[in-house]
C-alpha atoms as a PDB file:
ATOM      1  CA  UNK A   1      54.734 121.951 163.149  1.00  0.00           C
ATOM      2  CA  UNK A   2      56.809 123.830 165.684  1.00  0.00           C
ATOM      3  CA  UNK A   3      57.107 127.489 166.319  1.00  0.00           C
ATOM      4  CA  UNK A   4      60.518 127.820 164.644  1.00  0.00           C
ATOM      5  CA  UNK A   5      59.525 125.809 161.596  1.00  0.00           C
ATOM      6  CA  UNK A   6      56.312 127.789 161.186  1.00  0.00           C
ATOM      7  CA  UNK A   7      58.172 131.070 161.613  1.00  0.00           C
ATOM      8  CA  UNK A   8      60.849 130.117 159.082  1.00  0.00           C
ATOM      9  CA  UNK A   9      58.258 128.723 156.665  1.00  0.00           C
ATOM     10  CA  UNK A  10      56.159 131.885 156.891  1.00  0.00           C
ATOM     11  CA  UNK A  11      59.245 134.065 156.531  1.00  0.00           C
ATOM     12  CA  UNK A  12      60.394 132.082 153.454  1.00  0.00           C
ATOM     13  CA  UNK A  13      56.935 132.235 151.857  1.00  0.00           C
ATOM     14  CA  UNK A  14      56.593 135.956 152.542  1.00  0.00           C
ATOM     15  CA  UNK A  15      60.113 136.713 151.258  1.00  0.00           C
ATOM     16  CA  UNK A  16      59.526 134.669 148.121  1.00  0.00           C
ATOM     17  CA  UNK A  17      56.232 136.424 147.388  1.00  0.00           C
ATOM     18  CA  UNK A  18      57.813 139.848 147.947  1.00  0.00           C
ATOM     19  CA  UNK A  19      60.810 138.945 145.732  1.00  0.00           C
ATOM     20  CA  UNK A  20      58.576 137.647 142.928  1.00  0.00           C
ATOM     21  CA  UNK A  21      56.325 140.717 143.172  1.00  0.00           C
ATOM     22  CA  UNK A  22      59.266 143.110 143.016  1.00  0.00           C
ATOM     23  CA  UNK A  23      60.843 141.176 140.101  1.00  0.00           C
ATOM     24  CA  UNK A  24      57.556 141.182 138.186  1.00  0.00           C
ATOM     25  CA  UNK A  25      57.078 144.873 138.875  1.00  0.00           C
ATOM     26  CA  UNK A  26      60.678 145.660 137.734  1.00  0.00           C
ATOM     27  CA  UNK A  27      60.313 143.678 134.488  1.00  0.00           C
ATOM     28  CA  UNK A  28      56.981 145.398 133.757  1.00  0.00           C
ATOM     29  CA  UNK A  29      58.606 148.807 134.284  1.00  0.00           C
ATOM     30  CA  UNK A  30      61.519 147.899 131.990  1.00  0.00           C
ATOM     31  CA  UNK A  31      59.082 146.723 129.293  1.00  0.00           C
ATOM     32  CA  UNK A  32      57.006 149.901 129.635  1.00  0.00           C
ATOM     33  CA  UNK A  33      60.141 152.059 129.418  1.00  0.00           C
ATOM     34  CA  UNK A  34      61.216 150.267 126.228  1.00  0.00           C
ATOM     35  CA  UNK A  35      57.761 150.725 124.677  1.00  0.00           C
ATOM     36  CA  UNK A  36      57.684 154.418 125.631  1.00  0.00           C
ATOM     37  CA  UNK A  37      61.150 154.916 124.178  1.00  0.00           C
ATOM     38  CA  UNK A  38      60.095 153.211 120.929  1.00  0.00           C
ATOM     39  CA  UNK A  39      56.918 155.271 120.655  1.00  0.00           C
ATOM     40  CA  UNK A  40      58.841 158.476 121.376  1.00  0.00           C
ATOM     41  CA  UNK A  41      61.336 157.589 118.641  1.00  0.00           C
ATOM     42  CA  UNK A  42      58.533 156.940 116.120  1.00  0.00           C
ATOM     43  CA  UNK A  43      56.776 160.197 116.949  1.00  0.00           C
ATOM     44  CA  UNK A  44      60.015 162.198 116.767  1.00  0.00           C
ATOM     45  CA  UNK A  45      60.778 160.681 113.366  1.00  0.00           C
ATOM     46  CA  UNK A  46      57.336 161.731 112.142  1.00  0.00           C
ATOM     47  CA  UNK A  47      57.959 165.341 113.132  1.00  0.00           C
ATOM     48  CA  UNK A  48      61.677 165.546 112.294  1.00  0.00           C
ATOM     49  CA  UNK A  49      62.888 162.617 110.187  1.00  0.00           C
ATOM     50  CA  UNK A  50      66.395 161.463 110.920  1.00  0.00           C
ATOM     51  CA  UNK A  51      68.895 162.055 108.105  1.00  0.00           C
ATOM     52  CA  UNK A  52      69.447 159.057 105.859  1.00  0.00           C
ATOM     53  CA  UNK A  53      72.457 157.010 106.775  1.00  0.00           C
ATOM     54  CA  UNK A  54      75.212 156.943 104.135  1.00  0.00           C
ATOM     55  CA  UNK A  55      75.519 153.956 101.844  1.00  0.00           C
ATOM     56  CA  UNK A  56      77.927 151.360 103.172  1.00  0.00           C
ATOM     57  CA  UNK A  57      81.233 151.376 101.374  1.00  0.00           C
ATOM     58  CA  UNK A  58      82.386 148.295  99.559  1.00  0.00           C
ATOM     59  CA  UNK A  59      85.087 146.317 101.227  1.00  0.00           C
ATOM     60  CA  UNK A  60      88.195 146.110  99.093  1.00  0.00           C
ATOM     61  CA  UNK A  61      90.497 143.177  99.507  1.00  0.00           C
ATOM     62  CA  UNK A  62      93.935 143.444  97.923  1.00  0.00           C
ATOM     63  CA  UNK A  63      94.336 140.879  95.174  1.00  0.00           C
ATOM     64  CA  UNK A  64      97.100 138.349  95.224  1.00  0.00           C
ATOM     65  CA  UNK A  65      99.702 137.719  92.538  1.00  0.00           C
ATOM     66  CA  UNK A  66      97.572 135.148  90.726  1.00  0.00           C
ATOM     67  CA  UNK A  67      94.507 137.411  90.606  1.00  0.00           C
ATOM     68  CA  UNK A  68      96.617 140.350  89.411  1.00  0.00           C
ATOM     69  CA  UNK A  69      98.082 138.243  86.605  1.00  0.00           C
ATOM     70  CA  UNK A  70      94.602 137.071  85.586  1.00  0.00           C
ATOM     71  CA  UNK A  71      93.321 140.666  85.567  1.00  0.00           C
ATOM     72  CA  UNK A  72      96.223 141.794  83.361  1.00  0.00           C
ATOM     73  CA  UNK A  73      95.663 138.883  80.983  1.00  0.00           C
ATOM     74  CA  UNK A  74      91.942 139.617  80.749  1.00  0.00           C
ATOM     75  CA  UNK A  75      92.514 143.330  80.122  1.00  0.00           C
ATOM     76  CA  UNK A  76      95.048 142.555  77.372  1.00  0.00           C
ATOM     77  CA  UNK A  77      92.630 140.107  75.776  1.00  0.00           C
ATOM     78  CA  UNK A  78      89.760 142.583  76.042  1.00  0.00           C
ATOM     79  CA  UNK A  79      91.870 145.338  74.471  1.00  0.00           C
ATOM     80  CA  UNK A  80      92.811 143.034  71.587  1.00  0.00           C
ATOM     81  CA  UNK A  81      89.216 142.010  70.929  1.00  0.00           C
ATOM     82  CA  UNK A  82      88.065 145.642  71.009  1.00  0.00           C
ATOM     83  CA  UNK A  83      90.819 146.564  68.538  1.00  0.00           C
ATOM     84  CA  UNK A  84      89.750 143.757  66.181  1.00  0.00           C
ATOM     85  CA  UNK A  85      86.087 144.763  66.387  1.00  0.00           C
ATOM     86  CA  UNK A  86      86.834 148.453  65.858  1.00  0.00           C
ATOM     87  CA  UNK A  87      89.152 147.894  62.858  1.00  0.00           C
ATOM     88  CA  UNK A  88      87.881 149.126  59.476  1.00  0.00           C
ATOM     89  CA  UNK A  89      88.610 145.986  57.482  1.00  0.00           C
ATOM     90  CA  UNK A  90      87.645 147.600  54.152  1.00  0.00           C
ATOM     91  CA  UNK A  91      90.162 150.381  54.774  1.00  0.00           C
ATOM     92  CA  UNK A  92      92.823 147.849  55.812  1.00  0.00           C
ATOM     93  CA  UNK A  93      92.203 145.854  52.620  1.00  0.00           C
ATOM     94  CA  UNK A  94      92.505 149.044  50.526  1.00  0.00           C
ATOM     95  CA  UNK A  95      95.814 149.914  52.196  1.00  0.00           C
ATOM     96  CA  UNK A  96      97.193 146.430  51.555  1.00  0.00           C
ATOM     97  CA  UNK A  97      96.071 146.553  47.927  1.00  0.00           C
ATOM     98  CA  UNK A  98      97.680 149.989  47.475  1.00  0.00           C
ATOM     99  CA  UNK A  99     100.908 148.771  49.046  1.00  0.00           C
ATOM    100  CA  UNK A 100     101.064 145.633  46.897  1.00  0.00           C
ATOM    101  CA  UNK A 101     100.240 147.558  43.708  1.00  0.00           C
ATOM    102  CA  UNK A 102     102.903 150.210  44.456  1.00  0.00           C
ATOM    103  CA  UNK A 103     105.510 147.490  45.033  1.00  0.00           C
ATOM    104  CA  UNK A 104     104.342 145.776  41.816  1.00  0.00           C
ATOM    105  CA  UNK A 105     104.604 149.040  39.818  1.00  0.00           C
ATOM    106  CA  UNK A 106     108.067 149.877  41.178  1.00  0.00           C
ATOM    107  CA  UNK A 107     109.296 146.378  40.419  1.00  0.00           C
ATOM    108  CA  UNK A 108     108.081 146.419  36.828  1.00  0.00           C
ATOM    109  CA  UNK A 109     109.140 150.052  36.338  1.00  0.00           C
ATOM    110  CA  UNK A 110     112.658 149.122  37.388  1.00  0.00           C
ATOM    111  CA  UNK A 111     112.509 146.087  35.073  1.00  0.00           C
ATOM    112  CA  UNK A 112     111.353 148.281  32.129  1.00  0.00           C
ATOM    113  CA  UNK A 113     114.137 150.770  32.789  1.00  0.00           C
ATOM    114  CA  UNK A 114     116.662 147.931  32.760  1.00  0.00           C
ATOM    115  CA  UNK A 115     115.115 146.563  29.570  1.00  0.00           C
ATOM    116  CA  UNK A 116     115.219 150.025  27.934  1.00  0.00           C
ATOM    117  CA  UNK A 117     118.861 150.431  28.927  1.00  0.00           C
ATOM    118  CA  UNK A 118     119.724 147.025  27.487  1.00  0.00           C
ATOM    119  CA  UNK A 119     117.939 147.778  24.197  1.00  0.00           C
ATOM    120  CA  UNK A 120     119.659 151.152  23.693  1.00  0.00           C
END
């Protein structure tokens, strides 16, 4: 091995070892800084807890024409079903019976009046 080759080989080996040492040292320092930051954050939260973050808001997407039509149809159907379920069917039957009986009485009262007029 010649003088130049030995010098360059030694220089390359020394430079590589220095570079790797500095890189390892830098990465260790970065890792230690991250750990210290994390521990500081945990300790600060023990002493003074951070305020709770607000609940995320729901994302609203505007509905298209088809979805709007379906929503209107469903609301109409729901309103109709609620009206049927909330109807007092006994009261409705009583009203119909009263209406039919009043029409029946008026009809026969008019017929009796006509019959009384004819017989006089």
